[in-house]
PDB file of N, CA and C in Angstrom:
ATOM      1  N   MET A   1    -101.755 -75.110  36.654  1.00  0.00           N
ATOM      2  CA  MET A   1    -101.295 -76.480  36.615  1.00  0.00           C
ATOM      3  C   MET A   1    -100.892 -76.888  38.039  1.00  0.00           C
ATOM      4  N   LYS A   2    -101.153 -78.132  38.364  1.00  0.00           N
ATOM      5  CA  LYS A   2    -100.844 -78.686  39.689  1.00  0.00           C
ATOM      6  C   LYS A   2     -99.694 -79.682  39.584  1.00  0.00           C
ATOM      7  N   GLU A   3     -99.029 -79.865  40.718  1.00  0.00           N
ATOM      8  CA  GLU A   3     -98.043 -80.940  40.820  1.00  0.00           C
ATOM      9  C   GLU A   3     -98.358 -81.725  42.079  1.00  0.00           C
ATOM     10  N   TYR A   4     -97.937 -82.977  42.095  1.00  0.00           N
ATOM     11  CA  TYR A   4     -98.293 -83.885  43.172  1.00  0.00           C
ATOM     12  C   TYR A   4     -97.054 -84.575  43.731  1.00  0.00           C
ATOM     13  N   LYS A   5     -97.158 -84.953  44.991  1.00  0.00           N
ATOM     14  CA  LYS A   5     -96.084 -85.682  45.672  1.00  0.00           C
ATOM     15  C   LYS A   5     -96.754 -86.744  46.520  1.00  0.00           C
ATOM     16  N   ILE A   6     -96.172 -87.926  46.543  1.00  0.00           N
ATOM     17  CA  ILE A   6     -96.674 -89.009  47.382  1.00  0.00           C
ATOM     18  C   ILE A   6     -95.613 -89.319  48.432  1.00  0.00           C
ATOM     19  N   ILE A   7     -96.023 -89.243  49.693  1.00  0.00           N
ATOM     20  CA  ILE A   7     -95.097 -89.621  50.762  1.00  0.00           C
ATOM     21  C   ILE A   7     -95.631 -90.893  51.409  1.00  0.00           C
ATOM     22  N   LYS A   8     -94.725 -91.720  51.826  1.00  0.00           N
ATOM     23  CA  LYS A   8     -95.054 -93.024  52.379  1.00  0.00           C
ATOM     24  C   LYS A   8     -94.645 -93.065  53.844  1.00  0.00           C
ATOM     25  N   LYS A   9     -95.536 -93.566  54.678  1.00  0.00           N
ATOM     26  CA  LYS A   9     -95.200 -93.757  56.087  1.00  0.00           C
ATOM     27  C   LYS A   9     -94.656 -95.168  56.240  1.00  0.00           C
ATOM     28  N   ASP A  10     -93.423 -95.255  56.641  1.00  0.00           N
ATOM     29  CA  ASP A  10     -92.833 -96.566  56.868  1.00  0.00           C
ATOM     30  C   ASP A  10     -93.474 -97.214  58.087  1.00  0.00           C
ATOM     31  N   PHE A  11     -93.603 -98.494  58.053  1.00  0.00           N
ATOM     32  CA  PHE A  11     -94.295 -99.257  59.084  1.00  0.00           C
ATOM     33  C   PHE A  11     -93.752 -98.982  60.481  1.00  0.00           C
ATOM     34  N   TRP A  12     -92.453 -98.844  60.615  1.00  0.00           N
ATOM     35  CA  TRP A  12     -91.837 -98.723  61.932  1.00  0.00           C
ATOM     36  C   TRP A  12     -91.789 -97.289  62.456  1.00  0.00           C
ATOM     37  N   LYS A  13     -92.141 -96.314  61.625  1.00  0.00           N
ATOM     38  CA  LYS A  13     -92.092 -94.922  62.080  1.00  0.00           C
ATOM     39  C   LYS A  13     -93.386 -94.543  62.789  1.00  0.00           C
ATOM     40  N   LYS A  14     -93.255 -93.627  63.731  1.00  0.00           N
ATOM     41  CA  LYS A  14     -94.405 -93.198  64.519  1.00  0.00           C
ATOM     42  C   LYS A  14     -95.228 -92.171  63.757  1.00  0.00           C
ATOM     43  N   ASN A  15     -96.485 -92.029  64.162  1.00  0.00           N
ATOM     44  CA  ASN A  15     -97.362 -91.054  63.546  1.00  0.00           C
ATOM     45  C   ASN A  15     -96.811 -89.634  63.692  1.00  0.00           C
ATOM     46  N   ALA A  16     -96.111 -89.361  64.788  1.00  0.00           N
ATOM     47  CA  ALA A  16     -95.542 -88.032  64.993  1.00  0.00           C
ATOM     48  C   ALA A  16     -94.545 -87.694  63.890  1.00  0.00           C
ATOM     49  N   HIS A  17     -93.799 -88.672  63.419  1.00  0.00           N
ATOM     50  CA  HIS A  17     -92.850 -88.432  62.331  1.00  0.00           C
ATOM     51  C   HIS A  17     -93.593 -88.079  61.051  1.00  0.00           C
ATOM     52  N   LEU A  18     -94.684 -88.778  60.763  1.00  0.00           N
ATOM     53  CA  LEU A  18     -95.492 -88.469  59.584  1.00  0.00           C
ATOM     54  C   LEU A  18     -96.078 -87.065  59.706  1.00  0.00           C
ATOM     55  N   GLU A  19     -96.546 -86.710  60.878  1.00  0.00           N
ATOM     56  CA  GLU A  19     -97.102 -85.372  61.111  1.00  0.00           C
ATOM     57  C   GLU A  19     -96.041 -84.300  60.880  1.00  0.00           C
ATOM     58  N   ASP A  20     -94.848 -84.510  61.400  1.00  0.00           N
ATOM     59  CA  ASP A  20     -93.750 -83.555  61.184  1.00  0.00           C
ATOM     60  C   ASP A  20     -93.435 -83.406  59.702  1.00  0.00           C
ATOM     61  N   THR A  21     -93.445 -84.519  58.981  1.00  0.00           N
ATOM     62  CA  THR A  21     -93.164 -84.498  57.546  1.00  0.00           C
ATOM     63  C   THR A  21     -94.233 -83.711  56.798  1.00  0.00           C
ATOM     64  N   ILE A  22     -95.501 -83.965  57.113  1.00  0.00           N
ATOM     65  CA  ILE A  22     -96.591 -83.238  56.462  1.00  0.00           C
ATOM     66  C   ILE A  22     -96.510 -81.749  56.769  1.00  0.00           C
ATOM     67  N   ASN A  23     -96.208 -81.398  58.012  1.00  0.00           N
ATOM     68  CA  ASN A  23     -96.076 -79.982  58.378  1.00  0.00           C
ATOM     69  C   ASN A  23     -94.933 -79.308  57.628  1.00  0.00           C
ATOM     70  N   GLN A  24     -93.848 -80.008  57.419  1.00  0.00           N
ATOM     71  CA  GLN A  24     -92.726 -79.444  56.661  1.00  0.00           C
ATOM     72  C   GLN A  24     -93.146 -79.173  55.216  1.00  0.00           C
ATOM     73  N   TYR A  25     -93.825 -80.112  54.610  1.00  0.00           N
ATOM     74  CA  TYR A  25     -94.296 -79.908  53.240  1.00  0.00           C
ATOM     75  C   TYR A  25     -95.329 -78.780  53.175  1.00  0.00           C
ATOM     76  N   ALA A  26     -96.163 -78.649  54.198  1.00  0.00           N
ATOM     77  CA  ALA A  26     -97.160 -77.568  54.230  1.00  0.00           C
ATOM     78  C   ALA A  26     -96.469 -76.206  54.218  1.00  0.00           C
ATOM     79  N   ARG A  27     -95.355 -76.086  54.903  1.00  0.00           N
ATOM     80  CA  ARG A  27     -94.597 -74.826  54.888  1.00  0.00           C
ATOM     81  C   ARG A  27     -94.060 -74.514  53.493  1.00  0.00           C
ATOM     82  N   GLU A  28     -93.916 -75.545  52.668  1.00  0.00           N
ATOM     83  CA  GLU A  28     -93.441 -75.375  51.296  1.00  0.00           C
ATOM     84  C   GLU A  28     -94.599 -75.200  50.307  1.00  0.00           C
ATOM     85  N   GLY A  29     -95.832 -75.107  50.817  1.00  0.00           N
ATOM     86  CA  GLY A  29     -96.978 -74.857  49.961  1.00  0.00           C
ATOM     87  C   GLY A  29     -97.781 -76.078  49.570  1.00  0.00           C
ATOM     88  N   TRP A  30     -97.405 -77.262  50.050  1.00  0.00           N
ATOM     89  CA  TRP A  30     -98.133 -78.484  49.724  1.00  0.00           C
ATOM     90  C   TRP A  30     -99.374 -78.601  50.601  1.00  0.00           C
ATOM     91  N   GLU A  31    -100.451 -79.169  50.049  1.00  0.00           N
ATOM     92  CA  GLU A  31    -101.680 -79.448  50.784  1.00  0.00           C
ATOM     93  C   GLU A  31    -102.010 -80.928  50.635  1.00  0.00           C
ATOM     94  N   VAL A  32    -102.549 -81.513  51.709  1.00  0.00           N
ATOM     95  CA  VAL A  32    -102.959 -82.914  51.646  1.00  0.00           C
ATOM     96  C   VAL A  32    -104.175 -83.019  50.736  1.00  0.00           C
ATOM     97  N   LYS A  33    -104.068 -83.831  49.709  1.00  0.00           N
ATOM     98  CA  LYS A  33    -105.159 -84.056  48.757  1.00  0.00           C
ATOM     99  C   LYS A  33    -105.925 -85.326  49.114  1.00  0.00           C
ATOM    100  N   SER A  34    -105.196 -86.364  49.567  1.00  0.00           N
ATOM    101  CA  SER A  34    -105.822 -87.640  49.872  1.00  0.00           C
ATOM    102  C   SER A  34    -104.887 -88.470  50.739  1.00  0.00           C
ATOM    103  N   THR A  35    -105.456 -89.445  51.415  1.00  0.00           N
ATOM    104  CA  THR A  35    -104.657 -90.404  52.174  1.00  0.00           C
ATOM    105  C   THR A  35    -105.062 -91.813  51.751  1.00  0.00           C
ATOM    106  N   VAL A  36    -104.149 -92.743  51.906  1.00  0.00           N
ATOM    107  CA  VAL A  36    -104.401 -94.141  51.566  1.00  0.00           C
ATOM    108  C   VAL A  36    -104.093 -94.968  52.808  1.00  0.00           C
ATOM    109  N   GLY A  37    -105.034 -95.803  53.182  1.00  0.00           N
ATOM    110  CA  GLY A  37    -104.843 -96.651  54.347  1.00  0.00           C
ATOM    111  C   GLY A  37    -104.313 -98.023  53.978  1.00  0.00           C
ATOM    112  N   ASP A  38    -103.883 -98.743  55.003  1.00  0.00           N
ATOM    113  CA  ASP A  38    -103.340-100.084  54.791  1.00  0.00           C
ATOM    114  C   ASP A  38    -104.374-101.177  55.044  1.00  0.00           C
ATOM    115  N   GLY A  39    -105.620-100.779  55.288  1.00  0.00           N
ATOM    116  CA  GLY A  39    -106.673-101.753  55.557  1.00  0.00           C
ATOM    117  C   GLY A  39    -106.827-102.097  57.024  1.00  0.00           C
ATOM    118  N   HIS A  40    -105.951-101.558  57.862  1.00  0.00           N
ATOM    119  CA  HIS A  40    -105.996-101.821  59.300  1.00  0.00           C
ATOM    120  C   HIS A  40    -106.165-100.532  60.094  1.00  0.00           C
ATOM    121  N   GLY A  41    -106.629 -99.467  59.426  1.00  0.00           N
ATOM    122  CA  GLY A  41    -106.858 -98.197  60.104  1.00  0.00           C
ATOM    123  C   GLY A  41    -105.640 -97.297  60.180  1.00  0.00           C
ATOM    124  N   ASN A  42    -104.564 -97.666  59.533  1.00  0.00           N
ATOM    125  CA  ASN A  42    -103.336 -96.873  59.548  1.00  0.00           C
ATOM    126  C   ASN A  42    -103.121 -96.193  58.202  1.00  0.00           C
ATOM    127  N   ILE A  43    -102.621 -94.977  58.234  1.00  0.00           N
ATOM    128  CA  ILE A  43    -102.291 -94.272  56.997  1.00  0.00           C
ATOM    129  C   ILE A  43    -100.976 -94.830  56.472  1.00  0.00           C
ATOM    130  N   SER A  44    -100.961 -95.205  55.193  1.00  0.00           N
ATOM    131  CA  SER A  44     -99.725 -95.724  54.616  1.00  0.00           C
ATOM    132  C   SER A  44     -99.119 -94.764  53.600  1.00  0.00           C
ATOM    133  N   ARG A  45     -99.968 -93.936  52.950  1.00  0.00           N
ATOM    134  CA  ARG A  45     -99.475 -92.960  51.977  1.00  0.00           C
ATOM    135  C   ARG A  45    -100.306 -91.698  52.066  1.00  0.00           C
ATOM    136  N   VAL A  46     -99.668 -90.580  51.770  1.00  0.00           N
ATOM    137  CA  VAL A  46    -100.347 -89.293  51.740  1.00  0.00           C
ATOM    138  C   VAL A  46    -100.042 -88.657  50.388  1.00  0.00           C
ATOM    139  N   ILE A  47    -101.083 -88.204  49.711  1.00  0.00           N
ATOM    140  CA  ILE A  47    -100.916 -87.543  48.422  1.00  0.00           C
ATOM    141  C   ILE A  47    -101.033 -86.045  48.651  1.00  0.00           C
ATOM    142  N   LEU A  48    -100.011 -85.309  48.231  1.00  0.00           N
ATOM    143  CA  LEU A  48     -99.949 -83.865  48.410  1.00  0.00           C
ATOM    144  C   LEU A  48    -100.080 -83.164  47.070  1.00  0.00           C
ATOM    145  N   GLU A  49    -100.603 -81.934  47.102  1.00  0.00           N
ATOM    146  CA  GLU A  49    -100.809 -81.167  45.878  1.00  0.00           C
ATOM    147  C   GLU A  49    -100.414 -79.713  46.114  1.00  0.00           C
ATOM    148  N   ARG A  50     -99.900 -79.059  45.075  1.00  0.00           N
ATOM    149  CA  ARG A  50     -99.673 -77.614  45.124  1.00  0.00           C
ATOM    150  C   ARG A  50     -99.640 -77.090  43.697  1.00  0.00           C
ATOM    151  N   ASP A  51     -99.773 -75.772  43.574  1.00  0.00           N
ATOM    152  CA  ASP A  51     -99.661 -75.148  42.261  1.00  0.00           C
ATOM    153  C   ASP A  51     -98.233 -75.275  41.782  1.00  0.00           C
ATOM    154  N   LYS A  52     -98.068 -75.681  40.544  1.00  0.00           N
ATOM    155  CA  LYS A  52     -96.731 -75.897  40.001  1.00  0.00           C
ATOM    156  C   LYS A  52     -95.975 -74.585  39.834  1.00  0.00           C
ATOM    157  N   TYR A  53     -96.661 -73.559  39.376  1.00  0.00           N
ATOM    158  CA  TYR A  53     -96.011 -72.259  39.141  1.00  0.00           C
ATOM    159  C   TYR A  53     -96.518 -71.272  40.173  1.00  0.00           C
ATOM    160  N   ARG A  54     -96.024 -71.391  41.385  1.00  0.00           N
ATOM    161  CA  ARG A  54     -96.494 -70.504  42.452  1.00  0.00           C
ATOM    162  C   ARG A  54     -95.549 -69.369  42.693  1.00  0.00           C
TER     163      ARG A  54
END
């Protein structure tokens, strides 16, 4: 079974902050499953996935 988490990049935060956040979740076993853009070439949401019973 899988579990999912959606993280949102706030408009005013830098890409480096989003990268740090994704790296922190990766250390916890999360993997990027998909990204959602805002229509202007910017990532607005990242969908993460991991095994629920790891």
